[in-house]
C-alpha atoms as a PDB file:
ATOM      1  CA  UNK A   1      -2.168  -0.702 -21.233  1.00  0.00           C
ATOM      2  CA  UNK A   2      -5.053   0.944 -23.099  1.00  0.00           C
ATOM      3  CA  UNK A   3      -6.767   4.086 -21.774  1.00  0.00           C
ATOM      4  CA  UNK A   4     -10.334   3.753 -20.514  1.00  0.00           C
ATOM      5  CA  UNK A   5     -13.128   4.761 -22.870  1.00  0.00           C
ATOM      6  CA  UNK A   6     -14.746   8.142 -22.201  1.00  0.00           C
ATOM      7  CA  UNK A   7     -18.079   6.516 -21.433  1.00  0.00           C
ATOM      8  CA  UNK A   8     -16.562   4.423 -18.629  1.00  0.00           C
ATOM      9  CA  UNK A   9     -14.863   7.453 -17.067  1.00  0.00           C
ATOM     10  CA  UNK A  10     -18.043   9.558 -17.171  1.00  0.00           C
ATOM     11  CA  UNK A  11     -20.152   6.754 -15.645  1.00  0.00           C
ATOM     12  CA  UNK A  12     -17.538   6.238 -12.929  1.00  0.00           C
ATOM     13  CA  UNK A  13     -17.494   9.963 -12.079  1.00  0.00           C
ATOM     14  CA  UNK A  14     -21.303  10.145 -11.936  1.00  0.00           C
ATOM     15  CA  UNK A  15     -21.460   7.027  -9.760  1.00  0.00           C
ATOM     16  CA  UNK A  16     -18.868   8.504  -7.385  1.00  0.00           C
ATOM     17  CA  UNK A  17     -20.716  11.826  -7.119  1.00  0.00           C
ATOM     18  CA  UNK A  18     -24.009  10.013  -6.551  1.00  0.00           C
ATOM     19  CA  UNK A  19     -22.479   7.866  -3.820  1.00  0.00           C
ATOM     20  CA  UNK A  20     -20.964  10.890  -2.048  1.00  0.00           C
ATOM     21  CA  UNK A  21     -24.281  12.775  -2.272  1.00  0.00           C
ATOM     22  CA  UNK A  22     -26.180   9.760  -0.899  1.00  0.00           C
ATOM     23  CA  UNK A  23     -23.760   9.325   2.024  1.00  0.00           C
ATOM     24  CA  UNK A  24     -23.889  13.005   2.974  1.00  0.00           C
ATOM     25  CA  UNK A  25     -27.689  13.090   2.707  1.00  0.00           C
ATOM     26  CA  UNK A  26     -27.987   9.894   4.768  1.00  0.00           C
ATOM     27  CA  UNK A  27     -25.620  11.198   7.454  1.00  0.00           C
ATOM     28  CA  UNK A  28     -27.474  14.522   7.777  1.00  0.00           C
ATOM     29  CA  UNK A  29     -30.856  12.797   7.999  1.00  0.00           C
ATOM     30  CA  UNK A  30     -29.672  10.336  10.658  1.00  0.00           C
ATOM     31  CA  UNK A  31     -27.809  12.874  12.788  1.00  0.00           C
ATOM     32  CA  UNK A  32     -29.587  16.250  12.629  1.00  0.00           C
ATOM     33  CA  UNK A  33     -28.066  19.135  14.538  1.00  0.00           C
ATOM     34  CA  UNK A  34     -28.888  19.085  18.236  1.00  0.00           C
ATOM     35  CA  UNK A  35     -29.124  22.854  18.461  1.00  0.00           C
ATOM     36  CA  UNK A  36     -32.317  24.453  17.209  1.00  0.00           C
ATOM     37  CA  UNK A  37     -31.695  27.107  14.567  1.00  0.00           C
ATOM     38  CA  UNK A  38     -32.466  30.662  15.641  1.00  0.00           C
ATOM     39  CA  UNK A  39     -35.120  32.151  13.424  1.00  0.00           C
ATOM     40  CA  UNK A  40     -35.460  35.835  12.711  1.00  0.00           C
ATOM     41  CA  UNK A  41     -38.775  35.837  14.595  1.00  0.00           C
ATOM     42  CA  UNK A  42     -37.113  34.462  17.718  1.00  0.00           C
ATOM     43  CA  UNK A  43     -34.687  37.266  18.416  1.00  0.00           C
ATOM     44  CA  UNK A  44     -34.090  37.810  22.115  1.00  0.00           C
ATOM     45  CA  UNK A  45     -36.380  40.434  23.548  1.00  0.00           C
ATOM     46  CA  UNK A  46     -34.703  43.686  24.446  1.00  0.00           C
ATOM     47  CA  UNK A  47     -35.174  44.692  28.040  1.00  0.00           C
ATOM     48  CA  UNK A  48     -37.096  47.915  28.400  1.00  0.00           C
ATOM     49  CA  UNK A  49     -35.295  50.516  30.464  1.00  0.00           C
ATOM     50  CA  UNK A  50     -36.565  50.932  33.990  1.00  0.00           C
ATOM     51  CA  UNK A  51     -38.335  54.219  34.686  1.00  0.00           C
ATOM     52  CA  UNK A  52     -36.316  56.681  36.710  1.00  0.00           C
ATOM     53  CA  UNK A  53     -37.294  56.923  40.322  1.00  0.00           C
ATOM     54  CA  UNK A  54     -37.969  60.459  41.436  1.00  0.00           C
ATOM     55  CA  UNK A  55     -37.101  61.252  44.981  1.00  0.00           C
ATOM     56  CA  UNK A  56     -38.357  64.310  46.793  1.00  0.00           C
ATOM     57  CA  UNK A  57     -34.777  65.649  47.031  1.00  0.00           C
ATOM     58  CA  UNK A  58     -34.552  65.687  43.196  1.00  0.00           C
ATOM     59  CA  UNK A  59     -37.490  68.045  42.910  1.00  0.00           C
ATOM     60  CA  UNK A  60     -35.780  70.875  44.747  1.00  0.00           C
END
């Protein structure tokens, strides 16, 4: 059995990589993530601390 020529091996590898890339790209385009990505602008707002209530007994 003779070995394959280099040109045939290189074309086969490129075709395989192209097919894998196409399948992954197609799958991602057809089934995007259901969860929206959190952007840096959309950080949850920090709750401001409530002001202390002053009672008349605290003033003495």
